[in-house]
Amino acid sequence: MPSINRYRRVVPATFVDITGTPTGDISDIQIWQDGNQLQVTETNGTPGLRFTFTFVGVTSILRLFVMGYYNGSATHHLDIQMWNYTTSAWDQFCAMMTANDSQQFVCEVFDDTDYISGGASQVRFDHHVAGNNSHNVYLDYIALLY
């Protein structure tokens, strides 16, 4: 797994909670290993969880880096997606399976052409099926590496 210290990084500028209940805010995921976390609790509806981060000042992307974990059930997972400005659709990059402690997710972006528009890029966390309000995602850090 590559060390993120080798890369320049862009952290999210905004957090939009579409579905789920957040505890914390954008500042909790902008500093690597600072002890703060953004927690989002699923809802009992469909989708169970869905929220988006917007990055600004993006010139290139080699990897999407996420430090955190999803505490759900063995049959649930959380998709990590990026907005494709060419196709106007969300593309799947990684998935968070259920866990009890933080993990590093390094999602390779082989061609960033479709994922940057006017210096902006978007990342979405999506649990598109029915949720359970005892399931949570805990995020420590998110960055686009270049």
Protein backbone atom coordinates (compact mmCIF):
# COMPACT_ATOMS: atom_id res chain seq x y z
CA MET A 1 0.00 0.00 0.00
CA PRO A 2 1.50 3.36 -0.97
CA SER A 3 2.32 5.90 1.72
CA ILE A 4 0.20 9.01 1.29
CA ASN A 5 3.16 11.14 2.38
CA ARG A 6 4.66 10.72 -1.10
CA TYR A 7 1.75 12.54 -2.70
CA ARG A 8 0.27 15.98 -2.85
CA ARG A 9 -3.26 15.95 -1.50
CA VAL A 10 -6.55 17.73 -1.92
CA VAL A 11 -9.07 17.31 0.91
CA PRO A 12 -12.82 17.87 0.53
CA ALA A 13 -14.13 21.41 0.65
CA THR A 14 -17.79 20.52 1.22
CA PHE A 15 -19.90 17.71 2.63
CA VAL A 16 -23.51 17.28 1.54
CA ASP A 17 -25.60 14.89 3.62
CA ILE A 18 -28.24 13.50 1.34
CA THR A 19 -29.38 10.48 3.38
CA GLY A 20 -28.16 9.57 6.86
CA THR A 21 -27.54 11.35 10.14
CA PRO A 22 -24.08 12.93 10.51
CA THR A 23 -22.22 13.49 13.75
CA GLY A 24 -19.36 15.91 13.14
CA ASP A 25 -18.53 17.97 10.08
CA ILE A 26 -16.11 18.41 7.19
CA SER A 27 -13.26 19.55 9.45
CA ASP A 28 -13.22 16.10 11.08
CA ILE A 29 -11.91 14.44 7.91
CA GLN A 30 -9.51 17.08 6.60
CA ILE A 31 -6.53 16.30 8.85
CA TRP A 32 -4.84 12.90 8.74
CA GLN A 33 -4.99 10.96 12.05
CA ASP A 34 -6.00 13.90 14.25
CA GLY A 35 -8.31 11.78 16.41
CA ASN A 36 -11.48 13.30 14.95
CA GLN A 37 -14.00 11.34 12.90
CA LEU A 38 -17.08 12.12 10.88
CA GLN A 39 -19.75 9.55 11.74
CA VAL A 40 -22.83 9.03 9.59
CA THR A 41 -25.65 6.76 10.76
CA GLU A 42 -27.84 4.92 8.25
CA THR A 43 -31.57 5.48 8.03
CA ASN A 44 -34.10 2.66 7.91
CA GLY A 45 -35.22 3.76 4.43
CA THR A 46 -33.84 3.26 0.93
CA PRO A 47 -31.14 4.33 0.32
CA GLY A 48 -29.83 3.63 3.78
CA LEU A 49 -26.95 6.06 3.44
CA ARG A 50 -25.79 8.47 0.74
CA PHE A 51 -23.55 11.54 1.00
CA THR A 52 -21.13 13.44 -1.21
CA PHE A 53 -17.86 15.31 -0.78
CA THR A 54 -16.78 18.01 -3.24
CA PHE A 55 -13.10 18.78 -3.81
CA VAL A 56 -11.92 22.07 -5.36
CA GLY A 57 -8.59 23.06 -6.88
CA VAL A 58 -8.15 19.59 -8.39
CA THR A 59 -5.68 19.43 -11.28
CA SER A 60 -5.10 15.68 -11.42
CA ILE A 61 -5.98 12.49 -9.54
CA LEU A 62 -3.88 9.36 -9.15
CA ARG A 63 -5.74 7.83 -6.21
CA LEU A 64 -8.67 8.37 -3.92
CA PHE A 65 -7.60 7.72 -0.32
CA VAL A 66 -10.03 6.99 2.52
CA MET A 67 -9.21 6.16 6.14
CA GLY A 68 -12.21 4.84 8.03
CA TYR A 69 -14.60 1.95 8.39
CA TYR A 70 -18.17 0.86 7.91
CA ASN A 71 -19.80 -0.88 10.86
CA GLY A 72 -22.76 -2.65 9.32
CA SER A 73 -23.58 -6.32 8.85
CA ALA A 74 -21.99 -9.08 6.81
CA THR A 75 -24.56 -8.62 4.04
CA HIS A 76 -24.16 -4.83 3.76
CA HIS A 77 -21.42 -2.72 2.20
CA LEU A 78 -20.81 0.91 1.32
CA ASP A 79 -19.83 1.88 -2.24
CA ILE A 80 -17.22 4.60 -2.81
CA GLN A 81 -17.92 6.34 -6.11
CA MET A 82 -16.69 9.28 -8.19
CA TRP A 83 -18.81 11.51 -10.40
CA ASN A 84 -18.09 11.04 -14.08
CA TYR A 85 -18.56 14.45 -15.73
CA THR A 86 -18.54 12.88 -19.21
CA THR A 87 -21.29 10.29 -18.68
CA SER A 88 -23.14 12.17 -15.88
CA ALA A 89 -23.12 9.06 -13.70
CA TRP A 90 -21.47 7.76 -10.54
CA ASP A 91 -18.65 5.26 -11.18
CA GLN A 92 -17.73 2.64 -8.59
CA PHE A 93 -14.12 2.76 -7.33
CA CYS A 94 -14.02 0.90 -4.00
CA ALA A 95 -16.32 -0.75 -1.48
CA MET A 96 -16.20 -0.68 2.31
CA MET A 97 -17.20 -4.01 3.81
CA THR A 98 -18.18 -4.17 7.46
CA ALA A 99 -15.32 -3.81 9.96
CA ASN A 100 -14.72 -2.81 13.56
CA ASP A 101 -11.74 -0.50 13.14
CA SER A 102 -10.17 1.89 10.66
CA GLN A 103 -8.76 0.67 7.39
CA GLN A 104 -7.03 2.40 4.51
CA PHE A 105 -8.83 2.33 1.16
CA VAL A 106 -6.71 3.30 -1.83
CA CYS A 107 -8.80 3.51 -4.98
CA GLU A 108 -6.75 3.78 -8.17
CA VAL A 109 -7.85 6.37 -10.73
CA PHE A 110 -6.18 5.26 -13.95
CA ASP A 111 -7.55 8.08 -16.12
CA ASP A 112 -8.73 11.21 -14.30
CA THR A 113 -10.06 12.93 -17.44
CA ASP A 114 -13.72 12.15 -16.67
CA TYR A 115 -13.54 12.98 -12.96
CA ILE A 116 -12.41 16.62 -12.96
CA SER A 117 -14.44 19.56 -14.24
CA GLY A 118 -13.39 23.16 -13.72
CA GLY A 119 -11.06 22.09 -10.92
CA ALA A 120 -13.83 20.23 -9.07
CA SER A 121 -14.25 16.56 -8.30
CA GLN A 122 -16.94 14.70 -6.36
CA VAL A 123 -16.82 11.53 -4.24
CA ARG A 124 -19.94 9.79 -2.99
CA PHE A 125 -20.47 7.15 -0.32
CA ASP A 126 -23.54 5.09 -1.20
CA HIS A 127 -25.49 2.35 0.56
CA HIS A 128 -28.17 2.11 -2.10
CA VAL A 129 -30.30 -0.57 -0.45
CA ALA A 130 -32.44 -0.29 2.69
CA GLY A 131 -30.47 0.77 5.74
CA ASN A 132 -30.45 -0.04 9.41
CA ASN A 133 -30.16 2.77 11.93
CA SER A 134 -27.71 0.71 14.01
CA HIS A 135 -25.17 0.80 11.15
CA ASN A 136 -22.59 3.60 10.92
CA VAL A 137 -19.68 4.73 8.81
CA TYR A 138 -16.72 6.36 10.58
CA LEU A 139 -14.38 8.49 8.47
CA ASP A 140 -11.04 9.83 9.70
CA TYR A 141 -9.57 11.22 6.48
CA ILE A 142 -10.39 11.55 2.77
CA ALA A 143 -8.12 12.96 0.08
CA LEU A 144 -7.45 12.91 -3.62
CA LEU A 145 -3.77 12.08 -4.15
CA TYR A 146 -1.76 13.34 -7.11
